[in-house]
Protein backbone atom coordinates (compact mmCIF):
# COMPACT_ATOMS: atom_id res chain seq x y z
CA MET A 1 8.01 7.71 1.16
CA ILE A 2 10.84 5.90 -0.54
CA LEU A 3 12.60 3.19 1.40
CA ILE A 4 16.07 2.34 0.18
CA ILE A 5 17.30 -1.06 1.30
CA LYS A 6 20.96 -1.96 0.98
CA CYS A 7 21.33 -5.61 -0.02
CA SER A 8 24.65 -7.35 0.22
CA CYS A 9 24.92 -10.93 -0.95
CA ILE A 10 27.76 -13.12 0.25
CA ALA A 11 28.20 -16.49 -1.43
CA ASP A 12 29.34 -18.42 1.63
CA VAL A 13 26.50 -17.40 3.95
CA SER A 14 24.56 -20.16 5.65
CA LEU A 15 20.77 -20.42 5.29
CA PRO A 16 19.89 -19.37 8.89
CA TYR A 17 21.73 -16.07 8.36
CA LYS A 18 19.71 -15.42 5.20
CA ASN A 19 16.49 -16.15 7.11
CA LEU A 20 17.61 -13.72 9.79
CA ASN A 21 18.17 -11.11 7.10
CA ILE A 22 14.67 -11.65 5.68
CA MET A 23 13.12 -11.47 9.15
CA THR A 24 15.07 -8.29 9.85
CA LEU A 25 13.67 -6.79 6.64
CA TYR A 26 10.18 -7.92 7.64
CA GLN A 27 10.50 -6.49 11.15
CA THR A 28 11.97 -3.21 9.92
CA THR A 29 9.21 -2.79 7.34
CA PHE A 30 6.55 -3.67 9.92
CA ASP A 31 7.99 -1.15 12.38
CA ILE A 32 7.73 1.58 9.74
CA PHE A 33 4.18 0.47 8.85
CA ASN A 34 3.19 0.35 12.53
CA LYS A 35 4.74 3.74 13.35
CA ASN A 36 2.91 5.48 10.49
CA TYR A 37 -0.18 3.27 10.56
CA MET A 38 -2.83 5.79 9.50
CA GLY A 39 -0.94 6.93 6.41
CA SER A 40 0.34 3.45 5.61
CA ALA A 41 -3.15 1.95 5.86
CA ALA A 42 -4.56 4.60 3.53
CA MET A 43 -1.79 4.00 1.00
CA ALA A 44 -2.23 0.23 1.40
CA VAL A 45 -5.92 0.45 0.46
CA ILE A 46 -5.11 2.44 -2.66
CA GLY A 47 -2.07 0.41 -3.66
CA GLN A 48 -3.41 -3.09 -3.15
CA SER A 49 -6.74 -2.17 -4.76
CA CYS A 50 -4.92 -0.97 -7.88
CA LEU A 51 -2.67 -4.04 -7.90
CA GLY A 52 -5.70 -6.31 -7.41
CA GLY A 53 -7.51 -4.54 -10.24
CA ALA A 54 -4.54 -5.05 -12.54
CA ALA A 55 -4.39 -8.73 -11.57
CA ALA A 56 -8.12 -9.08 -12.29
CA MET A 57 -7.61 -7.45 -15.68
CA TYR A 58 -4.84 -9.88 -16.60
CA VAL A 59 -6.92 -12.85 -15.45
CA LEU A 60 -9.96 -11.77 -17.47
CA SER A 61 -7.85 -11.03 -20.55
CA ASN A 62 -7.38 -14.80 -20.93
CA GLY A 63 -11.09 -15.59 -21.04
CA THR A 64 -13.89 -16.45 -18.64
CA SER A 65 -13.47 -20.17 -18.02
CA ILE A 66 -13.79 -21.81 -14.61
CA LEU A 67 -10.01 -21.53 -14.06
CA GLN A 68 -10.09 -17.77 -14.62
CA MET A 69 -13.14 -17.36 -12.38
CA VAL A 70 -11.40 -19.22 -9.54
CA GLN A 71 -8.33 -17.00 -9.97
CA LEU A 72 -10.53 -13.91 -10.01
CA ALA A 73 -12.31 -15.04 -6.83
CA VAL A 74 -8.98 -15.54 -5.03
CA ILE A 75 -7.76 -12.07 -6.02
CA VAL A 76 -11.02 -10.36 -5.06
CA LEU A 77 -11.20 -12.16 -1.71
CA ALA A 78 -7.60 -11.30 -0.87
CA CYS A 79 -8.24 -7.60 -1.58
CA ILE A 80 -11.51 -7.67 0.35
CA PHE A 81 -9.78 -9.22 3.37
CA VAL A 82 -7.17 -6.45 3.43
CA ASN A 83 -9.74 -3.66 3.12
CA THR A 84 -11.99 -5.29 5.73
CA SER A 85 -9.14 -5.77 8.17
CA ILE A 86 -8.25 -2.08 7.92
CA LEU A 87 -11.87 -0.96 8.32
CA ALA A 88 -12.44 -3.40 11.21
CA GLN A 89 -9.38 -1.94 12.97
CA MET A 90 -7.72 -5.30 13.42
CA LYS A 91 -4.25 -5.56 14.91
CA HIS A 92 -1.62 -3.88 12.81
CA LYS A 93 0.34 -7.10 12.34
CA VAL A 94 -2.74 -8.87 10.92
CA VAL A 95 -3.32 -6.01 8.48
CA PHE A 96 0.35 -6.02 7.48
CA ASN A 97 0.42 -9.78 6.91
CA LEU A 98 -2.79 -9.69 4.86
CA LEU A 99 -1.36 -6.83 2.81
CA ILE A 100 1.75 -8.87 2.03
CA LEU A 101 -0.37 -11.91 1.14
CA SER A 102 -2.64 -9.88 -1.12
CA SER A 103 0.32 -8.30 -2.91
CA ILE A 104 2.05 -11.65 -3.42
CA LEU A 105 -1.13 -13.24 -4.77
CA SER A 106 -1.80 -10.35 -7.13
CA VAL A 107 1.75 -10.36 -8.51
CA PHE A 108 1.65 -14.16 -8.81
CA PHE A 109 -1.58 -14.10 -10.84
CA ILE A 110 -0.30 -11.26 -13.03
CA LEU A 111 2.85 -13.23 -13.83
CA LEU A 112 0.91 -16.47 -14.26
CA ASN A 113 -1.51 -14.96 -16.76
CA THR A 114 1.16 -12.98 -18.57
CA LEU A 115 3.84 -15.62 -18.94
CA VAL A 116 2.13 -19.01 -18.65
CA LEU A 117 -1.47 -18.84 -19.77
């Protein structure tokens, strides 16, 4: 499923309006995830596992020091928490939030190990 989001940026918009826009995006995405939970959860397991594997690959490509092992542990734990929350049939909002956290952490560690380290 492809979700097309129309973004319009206005220069003179106050910060609370931008937060409302982000929360609207979050709520809309969660509603779609919640409505199609079985399919979304299956795709989430596949997607975040692949993203976590890519993040682990980038971390390990820089060596095996303590810093890399800590990064690897954070990535693995984040992915495990998402998979466990789906298998434990936790509330859909908890699964969704853990999925977002796992994706953000994986992308962060990929960028960190690609650009910085």
